C-alpha atoms as a PDB file:
ATOM      1  CA  UNK A   1      -8.608 -75.624 -19.542  1.00  0.00           C
ATOM      2  CA  UNK A   2      -4.982 -76.721 -19.541  1.00  0.00           C
ATOM      3  CA  UNK A   3      -2.042 -74.416 -20.213  1.00  0.00           C
ATOM      4  CA  UNK A   4      -0.092 -74.350 -23.488  1.00  0.00           C
ATOM      5  CA  UNK A   5       3.093 -75.392 -21.673  1.00  0.00           C
ATOM      6  CA  UNK A   6       1.402 -78.513 -20.314  1.00  0.00           C
ATOM      7  CA  UNK A   7       0.110 -79.577 -23.728  1.00  0.00           C
ATOM      8  CA  UNK A   8       3.517 -78.883 -25.317  1.00  0.00           C
ATOM      9  CA  UNK A   9       5.134 -81.132 -22.695  1.00  0.00           C
ATOM     10  CA  UNK A  10       2.575 -83.827 -23.503  1.00  0.00           C
ATOM     11  CA  UNK A  11       3.385 -83.613 -27.213  1.00  0.00           C
ATOM     12  CA  UNK A  12       7.133 -83.729 -26.555  1.00  0.00           C
ATOM     13  CA  UNK A  13       6.737 -86.876 -24.492  1.00  0.00           C
ATOM     14  CA  UNK A  14       4.573 -88.513 -27.165  1.00  0.00           C
ATOM     15  CA  UNK A  15       7.109 -87.694 -29.891  1.00  0.00           C
ATOM     16  CA  UNK A  16       9.741 -89.473 -27.790  1.00  0.00           C
ATOM     17  CA  UNK A  17       7.569 -92.580 -27.812  1.00  0.00           C
ATOM     18  CA  UNK A  18       6.269 -92.246 -24.245  1.00  0.00           C
ATOM     19  CA  UNK A  19       2.970 -94.131 -23.741  1.00  0.00           C
ATOM     20  CA  UNK A  20      -0.067 -91.867 -23.551  1.00  0.00           C
ATOM     21  CA  UNK A  21      -0.842 -92.652 -19.901  1.00  0.00           C
ATOM     22  CA  UNK A  22       2.699 -91.887 -18.744  1.00  0.00           C
ATOM     23  CA  UNK A  23       2.984 -88.783 -20.944  1.00  0.00           C
ATOM     24  CA  UNK A  24      -0.298 -87.455 -19.535  1.00  0.00           C
ATOM     25  CA  UNK A  25       0.922 -87.985 -15.961  1.00  0.00           C
ATOM     26  CA  UNK A  26       4.172 -86.146 -16.657  1.00  0.00           C
ATOM     27  CA  UNK A  27       2.211 -83.244 -18.168  1.00  0.00           C
ATOM     28  CA  UNK A  28      -0.127 -83.062 -15.169  1.00  0.00           C
ATOM     29  CA  UNK A  29      -3.366 -84.109 -16.866  1.00  0.00           C
ATOM     30  CA  UNK A  30      -5.668 -87.089 -17.188  1.00  0.00           C
ATOM     31  CA  UNK A  31      -5.316 -89.604 -19.992  1.00  0.00           C
ATOM     32  CA  UNK A  32      -8.725 -88.550 -21.311  1.00  0.00           C
ATOM     33  CA  UNK A  33      -7.613 -84.893 -21.521  1.00  0.00           C
ATOM     34  CA  UNK A  34      -4.366 -85.924 -23.223  1.00  0.00           C
ATOM     35  CA  UNK A  35      -6.342 -87.905 -25.796  1.00  0.00           C
ATOM     36  CA  UNK A  36      -8.504 -84.860 -26.552  1.00  0.00           C
ATOM     37  CA  UNK A  37      -5.522 -82.579 -27.244  1.00  0.00           C
ATOM     38  CA  UNK A  38      -3.836 -85.228 -29.384  1.00  0.00           C
ATOM     39  CA  UNK A  39      -6.974 -85.587 -31.482  1.00  0.00           C
ATOM     40  CA  UNK A  40      -7.445 -81.852 -32.144  1.00  0.00           C
ATOM     41  CA  UNK A  41      -3.682 -81.145 -32.497  1.00  0.00           C
ATOM     42  CA  UNK A  42      -4.104 -77.618 -31.151  1.00  0.00           C
ATOM     43  CA  UNK A  43      -2.936 -75.758 -28.061  1.00  0.00           C
ATOM     44  CA  UNK A  44      -5.449 -74.509 -25.465  1.00  0.00           C
ATOM     45  CA  UNK A  45      -4.874 -70.902 -26.556  1.00  0.00           C
ATOM     46  CA  UNK A  46      -5.753 -71.881 -30.128  1.00  0.00           C
ATOM     47  CA  UNK A  47      -9.007 -73.497 -29.017  1.00  0.00           C
ATOM     48  CA  UNK A  48     -10.330 -70.333 -27.393  1.00  0.00           C
ATOM     49  CA  UNK A  49     -12.987 -68.616 -29.447  1.00  0.00           C
ATOM     50  CA  UNK A  50     -13.933 -64.957 -28.900  1.00  0.00           C
ATOM     51  CA  UNK A  51     -17.572 -64.388 -28.053  1.00  0.00           C
ATOM     52  CA  UNK A  52     -19.785 -61.369 -27.597  1.00  0.00           C
ATOM     53  CA  UNK A  53     -22.687 -62.917 -25.734  1.00  0.00           C
ATOM     54  CA  UNK A  54     -23.272 -62.446 -22.013  1.00  0.00           C
ATOM     55  CA  UNK A  55     -22.017 -65.373 -19.939  1.00  0.00           C
ATOM     56  CA  UNK A  56     -24.183 -64.569 -16.919  1.00  0.00           C
ATOM     57  CA  UNK A  57     -27.221 -62.565 -15.950  1.00  0.00           C
ATOM     58  CA  UNK A  58     -26.736 -58.891 -15.124  1.00  0.00           C
ATOM     59  CA  UNK A  59     -26.269 -58.875 -11.310  1.00  0.00           C
ATOM     60  CA  UNK A  60     -27.373 -55.222 -11.150  1.00  0.00           C
ATOM     61  CA  UNK A  61     -30.586 -55.676 -13.113  1.00  0.00           C
ATOM     62  CA  UNK A  62     -32.899 -55.507 -10.096  1.00  0.00           C
ATOM     63  CA  UNK A  63     -31.329 -52.309  -8.736  1.00  0.00           C
ATOM     64  CA  UNK A  64     -30.279 -50.738 -12.049  1.00  0.00           C
ATOM     65  CA  UNK A  65     -32.886 -47.952 -11.800  1.00  0.00           C
ATOM     66  CA  UNK A  66     -31.321 -46.958  -8.458  1.00  0.00           C
ATOM     67  CA  UNK A  67     -27.798 -46.914  -9.958  1.00  0.00           C
ATOM     68  CA  UNK A  68     -28.989 -44.726 -12.825  1.00  0.00           C
ATOM     69  CA  UNK A  69     -30.785 -42.460 -10.352  1.00  0.00           C
ATOM     70  CA  UNK A  70     -27.539 -41.878  -8.427  1.00  0.00           C
ATOM     71  CA  UNK A  71     -25.711 -40.874 -11.611  1.00  0.00           C
ATOM     72  CA  UNK A  72     -28.597 -38.650 -12.685  1.00  0.00           C
ATOM     73  CA  UNK A  73     -28.654 -37.081  -9.230  1.00  0.00           C
ATOM     74  CA  UNK A  74     -24.983 -36.161  -9.484  1.00  0.00           C
ATOM     75  CA  UNK A  75     -25.527 -34.748 -12.984  1.00  0.00           C
ATOM     76  CA  UNK A  76     -28.498 -32.761 -11.674  1.00  0.00           C
ATOM     77  CA  UNK A  77     -26.211 -31.229  -9.060  1.00  0.00           C
ATOM     78  CA  UNK A  78     -23.744 -30.273 -11.800  1.00  0.00           C
ATOM     79  CA  UNK A  79     -26.555 -28.722 -13.857  1.00  0.00           C
ATOM     80  CA  UNK A  80     -27.736 -26.771 -10.832  1.00  0.00           C
ATOM     81  CA  UNK A  81     -24.270 -25.335 -10.260  1.00  0.00           C
ATOM     82  CA  UNK A  82     -23.656 -24.550 -13.966  1.00  0.00           C
ATOM     83  CA  UNK A  83     -27.065 -24.150 -15.671  1.00  0.00           C
ATOM     84  CA  UNK A  84     -25.481 -22.299 -18.581  1.00  0.00           C
ATOM     85  CA  UNK A  85     -23.276 -25.285 -19.437  1.00  0.00           C
ATOM     86  CA  UNK A  86     -25.130 -28.517 -18.703  1.00  0.00           C
ATOM     87  CA  UNK A  87     -28.589 -30.061 -19.193  1.00  0.00           C
ATOM     88  CA  UNK A  88     -30.149 -33.127 -17.531  1.00  0.00           C
ATOM     89  CA  UNK A  89     -30.594 -34.704 -20.974  1.00  0.00           C
ATOM     90  CA  UNK A  90     -26.805 -35.050 -21.307  1.00  0.00           C
ATOM     91  CA  UNK A  91     -26.677 -38.143 -19.062  1.00  0.00           C
ATOM     92  CA  UNK A  92     -25.611 -40.541 -21.866  1.00  0.00           C
ATOM     93  CA  UNK A  93     -22.907 -38.127 -22.993  1.00  0.00           C
ATOM     94  CA  UNK A  94     -21.570 -38.052 -19.429  1.00  0.00           C
ATOM     95  CA  UNK A  95     -21.564 -41.858 -19.244  1.00  0.00           C
ATOM     96  CA  UNK A  96     -19.611 -42.152 -22.500  1.00  0.00           C
ATOM     97  CA  UNK A  97     -17.013 -39.654 -21.341  1.00  0.00           C
ATOM     98  CA  UNK A  98     -16.613 -41.476 -18.012  1.00  0.00           C
ATOM     99  CA  UNK A  99     -16.041 -44.769 -19.846  1.00  0.00           C
ATOM    100  CA  UNK A 100     -13.508 -43.134 -22.183  1.00  0.00           C
ATOM    101  CA  UNK A 101     -11.665 -41.499 -19.287  1.00  0.00           C
ATOM    102  CA  UNK A 102     -11.369 -44.813 -17.452  1.00  0.00           C
ATOM    103  CA  UNK A 103      -9.991 -46.520 -20.552  1.00  0.00           C
ATOM    104  CA  UNK A 104      -7.372 -43.819 -21.222  1.00  0.00           C
ATOM    105  CA  UNK A 105      -6.473 -42.516 -17.766  1.00  0.00           C
ATOM    106  CA  UNK A 106      -7.463 -45.363 -15.448  1.00  0.00           C
ATOM    107  CA  UNK A 107      -4.823 -47.149 -13.369  1.00  0.00           C
ATOM    108  CA  UNK A 108      -2.526 -49.541 -15.210  1.00  0.00           C
ATOM    109  CA  UNK A 109      -2.969 -53.202 -14.384  1.00  0.00           C
ATOM    110  CA  UNK A 110      -0.006 -54.603 -12.498  1.00  0.00           C
ATOM    111  CA  UNK A 111       1.480 -57.960 -13.409  1.00  0.00           C
ATOM    112  CA  UNK A 112       1.002 -59.945 -10.225  1.00  0.00           C
ATOM    113  CA  UNK A 113       1.664 -63.630  -9.636  1.00  0.00           C
ATOM    114  CA  UNK A 114      -1.342 -65.342  -8.144  1.00  0.00           C
ATOM    115  CA  UNK A 115      -1.145 -66.173  -4.451  1.00  0.00           C
ATOM    116  CA  UNK A 116      -2.582 -69.561  -3.594  1.00  0.00           C
ATOM    117  CA  UNK A 117      -4.242 -69.479  -0.185  1.00  0.00           C
ATOM    118  CA  UNK A 118      -4.980 -72.468   2.009  1.00  0.00           C
ATOM    119  CA  UNK A 119      -7.668 -72.773   4.708  1.00  0.00           C
ATOM    120  CA  UNK A 120      -6.503 -71.665   8.173  1.00  0.00           C
ATOM    121  CA  UNK A 121      -3.071 -70.762   6.825  1.00  0.00           C
ATOM    122  CA  UNK A 122      -2.855 -66.968   6.967  1.00  0.00           C
ATOM    123  CA  UNK A 123      -4.406 -63.746   8.135  1.00  0.00           C
ATOM    124  CA  UNK A 124      -3.449 -60.249   6.959  1.00  0.00           C
ATOM    125  CA  UNK A 125      -4.037 -57.038   8.839  1.00  0.00           C
ATOM    126  CA  UNK A 126      -3.425 -53.324   8.488  1.00  0.00           C
ATOM    127  CA  UNK A 127      -4.705 -49.905   9.553  1.00  0.00           C
ATOM    128  CA  UNK A 128      -6.761 -47.614   7.340  1.00  0.00           C
ATOM    129  CA  UNK A 129      -7.807 -43.976   7.797  1.00  0.00           C
ATOM    130  CA  UNK A 130     -11.536 -43.160   7.872  1.00  0.00           C
ATOM    131  CA  UNK A 131     -11.478 -39.328   8.067  1.00  0.00           C
ATOM    132  CA  UNK A 132     -12.469 -38.905   4.421  1.00  0.00           C
ATOM    133  CA  UNK A 133     -15.915 -40.375   5.162  1.00  0.00           C
ATOM    134  CA  UNK A 134     -16.848 -37.265   7.170  1.00  0.00           C
ATOM    135  CA  UNK A 135     -18.330 -39.077  10.174  1.00  0.00           C
ATOM    136  CA  UNK A 136     -19.296 -36.891  13.167  1.00  0.00           C
ATOM    137  CA  UNK A 137     -20.294 -37.768  16.739  1.00  0.00           C
ATOM    138  CA  UNK A 138     -22.929 -35.469  18.255  1.00  0.00           C
ATOM    139  CA  UNK A 139     -22.048 -32.911  15.595  1.00  0.00           C
ATOM    140  CA  UNK A 140     -18.298 -33.001  16.258  1.00  0.00           C
ATOM    141  CA  UNK A 141     -15.722 -34.335  13.754  1.00  0.00           C
ATOM    142  CA  UNK A 142     -14.605 -37.864  14.576  1.00  0.00           C
ATOM    143  CA  UNK A 143     -11.113 -38.432  13.114  1.00  0.00           C
ATOM    144  CA  UNK A 144     -10.367 -42.114  13.502  1.00  0.00           C
ATOM    145  CA  UNK A 145      -8.863 -45.207  11.932  1.00  0.00           C
ATOM    146  CA  UNK A 146      -9.905 -48.833  11.630  1.00  0.00           C
ATOM    147  CA  UNK A 147      -7.741 -51.861  12.337  1.00  0.00           C
ATOM    148  CA  UNK A 148      -8.708 -54.426   9.703  1.00  0.00           C
ATOM    149  CA  UNK A 149      -8.082 -58.179  10.006  1.00  0.00           C
ATOM    150  CA  UNK A 150      -8.781 -60.596   7.114  1.00  0.00           C
ATOM    151  CA  UNK A 151      -8.463 -64.366   6.655  1.00  0.00           C
ATOM    152  CA  UNK A 152      -6.991 -64.725   3.160  1.00  0.00           C
ATOM    153  CA  UNK A 153      -8.715 -67.994   2.191  1.00  0.00           C
ATOM    154  CA  UNK A 154     -12.296 -67.331   3.298  1.00  0.00           C
ATOM    155  CA  UNK A 155     -12.098 -63.496   3.346  1.00  0.00           C
ATOM    156  CA  UNK A 156     -13.777 -63.492   6.748  1.00  0.00           C
ATOM    157  CA  UNK A 157     -12.891 -60.117   8.251  1.00  0.00           C
ATOM    158  CA  UNK A 158     -13.069 -58.142  11.479  1.00  0.00           C
ATOM    159  CA  UNK A 159     -12.629 -54.425  12.124  1.00  0.00           C
ATOM    160  CA  UNK A 160     -12.203 -52.260  15.214  1.00  0.00           C
ATOM    161  CA  UNK A 161     -11.965 -48.497  15.717  1.00  0.00           C
ATOM    162  CA  UNK A 162      -8.621 -47.018  16.785  1.00  0.00           C
ATOM    163  CA  UNK A 163      -6.896 -43.645  16.648  1.00  0.00           C
ATOM    164  CA  UNK A 164      -3.259 -44.365  15.786  1.00  0.00           C
ATOM    165  CA  UNK A 165      -1.006 -47.144  14.537  1.00  0.00           C
ATOM    166  CA  UNK A 166       0.272 -48.163  17.960  1.00  0.00           C
ATOM    167  CA  UNK A 167       1.172 -51.548  19.335  1.00  0.00           C
ATOM    168  CA  UNK A 168      -1.756 -51.274  21.759  1.00  0.00           C
ATOM    169  CA  UNK A 169      -4.191 -50.712  18.867  1.00  0.00           C
ATOM    170  CA  UNK A 170      -2.664 -53.648  16.981  1.00  0.00           C
ATOM    171  CA  UNK A 171      -2.812 -56.009  19.979  1.00  0.00           C
ATOM    172  CA  UNK A 172      -6.391 -55.041  20.844  1.00  0.00           C
ATOM    173  CA  UNK A 173      -7.472 -55.378  17.205  1.00  0.00           C
ATOM    174  CA  UNK A 174      -5.890 -58.828  16.843  1.00  0.00           C
ATOM    175  CA  UNK A 175      -7.438 -60.061  20.084  1.00  0.00           C
ATOM    176  CA  UNK A 176     -10.914 -58.811  19.153  1.00  0.00           C
ATOM    177  CA  UNK A 177     -10.624 -60.333  15.682  1.00  0.00           C
ATOM    178  CA  UNK A 178      -9.511 -63.758  16.913  1.00  0.00           C
ATOM    179  CA  UNK A 179     -12.278 -63.928  19.515  1.00  0.00           C
ATOM    180  CA  UNK A 180     -14.839 -62.839  16.930  1.00  0.00           C
ATOM    181  CA  UNK A 181     -13.636 -65.379  14.358  1.00  0.00           C
ATOM    182  CA  UNK A 182     -13.284 -68.140  16.942  1.00  0.00           C
ATOM    183  CA  UNK A 183      -9.919 -69.493  15.841  1.00  0.00           C
ATOM    184  CA  UNK A 184      -6.270 -68.731  15.102  1.00  0.00           C
ATOM    185  CA  UNK A 185      -4.551 -69.033  11.698  1.00  0.00           C
ATOM    186  CA  UNK A 186      -1.024 -70.359  11.323  1.00  0.00           C
ATOM    187  CA  UNK A 187       0.453 -67.058  10.111  1.00  0.00           C
ATOM    188  CA  UNK A 188      -0.173 -63.341  10.534  1.00  0.00           C
ATOM    189  CA  UNK A 189       1.128 -61.077   7.767  1.00  0.00           C
ATOM    190  CA  UNK A 190       1.643 -57.315   7.913  1.00  0.00           C
ATOM    191  CA  UNK A 191       3.252 -54.716   5.667  1.00  0.00           C
ATOM    192  CA  UNK A 192       6.222 -54.189   8.021  1.00  0.00           C
ATOM    193  CA  UNK A 193       3.970 -51.768   9.975  1.00  0.00           C
ATOM    194  CA  UNK A 194       6.327 -49.017   8.861  1.00  0.00           C
ATOM    195  CA  UNK A 195       3.888 -46.241   9.759  1.00  0.00           C
ATOM    196  CA  UNK A 196       3.640 -47.563  13.296  1.00  0.00           C
ATOM    197  CA  UNK A 197       7.378 -47.464  14.012  1.00  0.00           C
ATOM    198  CA  UNK A 198       8.674 -44.848  11.566  1.00  0.00           C
ATOM    199  CA  UNK A 199       9.082 -42.074  14.136  1.00  0.00           C
ATOM    200  CA  UNK A 200      10.289 -44.188  17.043  1.00  0.00           C
ATOM    201  CA  UNK A 201      13.848 -44.167  18.336  1.00  0.00           C
ATOM    202  CA  UNK A 202      15.954 -47.273  17.741  1.00  0.00           C
ATOM    203  CA  UNK A 203      15.419 -48.690  21.237  1.00  0.00           C
ATOM    204  CA  UNK A 204      11.679 -48.072  20.988  1.00  0.00           C
ATOM    205  CA  UNK A 205      11.527 -49.864  17.630  1.00  0.00           C
ATOM    206  CA  UNK A 206      13.361 -52.834  19.131  1.00  0.00           C
ATOM    207  CA  UNK A 207      10.924 -52.899  22.072  1.00  0.00           C
ATOM    208  CA  UNK A 208       7.963 -52.685  19.661  1.00  0.00           C
ATOM    209  CA  UNK A 209       9.334 -55.647  17.697  1.00  0.00           C
ATOM    210  CA  UNK A 210       9.885 -57.734  20.822  1.00  0.00           C
ATOM    211  CA  UNK A 211       6.356 -57.051  22.059  1.00  0.00           C
ATOM    212  CA  UNK A 212       4.915 -57.970  18.659  1.00  0.00           C
ATOM    213  CA  UNK A 213       6.868 -61.232  18.570  1.00  0.00           C
ATOM    214  CA  UNK A 214       5.655 -62.042  22.096  1.00  0.00           C
ATOM    215  CA  UNK A 215       2.068 -61.383  20.999  1.00  0.00           C
ATOM    216  CA  UNK A 216       2.476 -63.786  18.078  1.00  0.00           C
ATOM    217  CA  UNK A 217       3.992 -66.442  20.354  1.00  0.00           C
ATOM    218  CA  UNK A 218       1.105 -66.018  22.813  1.00  0.00           C
ATOM    219  CA  UNK A 219      -1.454 -66.827  20.106  1.00  0.00           C
ATOM    220  CA  UNK A 220       0.720 -69.395  18.360  1.00  0.00           C
ATOM    221  CA  UNK A 221       0.917 -67.473  15.079  1.00  0.00           C
ATOM    222  CA  UNK A 222       3.989 -67.169  12.889  1.00  0.00           C
ATOM    223  CA  UNK A 223       4.684 -63.496  12.045  1.00  0.00           C
ATOM    224  CA  UNK A 224       5.413 -62.801   8.359  1.00  0.00           C
ATOM    225  CA  UNK A 225       5.985 -59.575   6.424  1.00  0.00           C
ATOM    226  CA  UNK A 226       5.672 -58.626   2.791  1.00  0.00           C
ATOM    227  CA  UNK A 227       8.660 -57.019   1.088  1.00  0.00           C
ATOM    228  CA  UNK A 228       8.913 -53.279   1.551  1.00  0.00           C
ATOM    229  CA  UNK A 229       7.311 -51.356  -1.308  1.00  0.00           C
ATOM    230  CA  UNK A 230       5.429 -54.429  -2.580  1.00  0.00           C
ATOM    231  CA  UNK A 231       1.926 -53.648  -1.317  1.00  0.00           C
ATOM    232  CA  UNK A 232       0.139 -56.342  -3.337  1.00  0.00           C
ATOM    233  CA  UNK A 233       1.758 -59.014  -1.140  1.00  0.00           C
ATOM    234  CA  UNK A 234      -0.659 -57.769   1.537  1.00  0.00           C
ATOM    235  CA  UNK A 235      -3.297 -57.458  -1.152  1.00  0.00           C
ATOM    236  CA  UNK A 236      -6.209 -59.202   0.544  1.00  0.00           C
ATOM    237  CA  UNK A 237      -6.433 -56.692   3.370  1.00  0.00           C
ATOM    238  CA  UNK A 238      -5.680 -53.758   1.035  1.00  0.00           C
ATOM    239  CA  UNK A 239      -8.566 -54.748  -1.222  1.00  0.00           C
ATOM    240  CA  UNK A 240     -10.760 -55.322   1.828  1.00  0.00           C
ATOM    241  CA  UNK A 241      -9.929 -51.768   2.998  1.00  0.00           C
ATOM    242  CA  UNK A 242     -11.260 -50.397  -0.265  1.00  0.00           C
ATOM    243  CA  UNK A 243     -14.426 -52.487  -0.293  1.00  0.00           C
ATOM    244  CA  UNK A 244     -15.139 -51.937   3.403  1.00  0.00           C
ATOM    245  CA  UNK A 245     -14.804 -48.147   3.160  1.00  0.00           C
ATOM    246  CA  UNK A 246     -16.862 -48.146  -0.031  1.00  0.00           C
ATOM    247  CA  UNK A 247     -19.596 -50.150   1.729  1.00  0.00           C
ATOM    248  CA  UNK A 248     -19.539 -47.780   4.732  1.00  0.00           C
ATOM    249  CA  UNK A 249     -19.791 -44.741   2.448  1.00  0.00           C
ATOM    250  CA  UNK A 250     -22.719 -46.248   0.537  1.00  0.00           C
ATOM    251  CA  UNK A 251     -24.496 -47.123   3.797  1.00  0.00           C
ATOM    252  CA  UNK A 252     -23.983 -43.561   5.039  1.00  0.00           C
ATOM    253  CA  UNK A 253     -25.475 -42.189   1.799  1.00  0.00           C
ATOM    254  CA  UNK A 254     -28.513 -44.421   2.179  1.00  0.00           C
ATOM    255  CA  UNK A 255     -28.766 -43.333   5.835  1.00  0.00           C
ATOM    256  CA  UNK A 256     -28.819 -39.664   4.653  1.00  0.00           C
ATOM    257  CA  UNK A 257     -26.789 -38.612   7.683  1.00  0.00           C
ATOM    258  CA  UNK A 258     -23.164 -39.018   8.746  1.00  0.00           C
ATOM    259  CA  UNK A 259     -23.727 -37.905  12.342  1.00  0.00           C
ATOM    260  CA  UNK A 260     -24.166 -40.350  15.232  1.00  0.00           C
ATOM    261  CA  UNK A 261     -25.403 -39.722  18.755  1.00  0.00           C
ATOM    262  CA  UNK A 262     -22.486 -41.593  20.333  1.00  0.00           C
ATOM    263  CA  UNK A 263     -19.378 -43.578  19.494  1.00  0.00           C
ATOM    264  CA  UNK A 264     -21.142 -46.806  20.513  1.00  0.00           C
ATOM    265  CA  UNK A 265     -23.922 -46.068  17.998  1.00  0.00           C
ATOM    266  CA  UNK A 266     -21.306 -45.603  15.260  1.00  0.00           C
ATOM    267  CA  UNK A 267     -19.509 -48.814  16.257  1.00  0.00           C
ATOM    268  CA  UNK A 268     -22.803 -50.703  16.046  1.00  0.00           C
ATOM    269  CA  UNK A 269     -23.362 -49.181  12.581  1.00  0.00           C
ATOM    270  CA  UNK A 270     -19.929 -50.401  11.429  1.00  0.00           C
END
């Protein structure tokens, strides 16, 4: 489907007497496509027709009973805690209220210009906290982070456990990721790594920057940064954080236990 602006440009060129083939080329479309829009005399937006039918099969159909069981389980817990207020038969009422809440109070959709990624062009990386998953090692709390590395075109990713946003954790995470992936992209993008250098003195920040630049030169990657306060410019790794942690949490729920005998056992699980 072409854009309205492209078809308008086509029509402008045709009104000026430009041959169809040349007008189509200037508008960025084939001559066949140009002929179609001239025949219908409508813009692409005017050709769209609303529909209510499903365009694809329900991807959750096979496991839908399990999804419903999870929601019913959570409602059962609520009924157990407040038997005077709730009943298990209120599951549909709960679902309707959840849908309404998401529509009214859910996060607003940002206006974001699409980033066009190219193969082997860029990787993004960042740290993410994992404490909220409640993982324990031999019964003891295991507060930790994960260094997350993502190729923006293929979404191939690598993760490694760390405990703070230090240069050492960054360097080790990058090295592990590159060896695991088996190649090096042209660029490596971060979010300014503000959390890693926020509390350092000026000379320490300068040393951190020099070491990071040397690391990039060693692997032949160009360092890039997104603008401060514009998190969606590092959006691939941010979205991967969310999906990775969600997948870990779901796997822990299926496992029925968040305790591991050793750190190596937990690393293998990740």
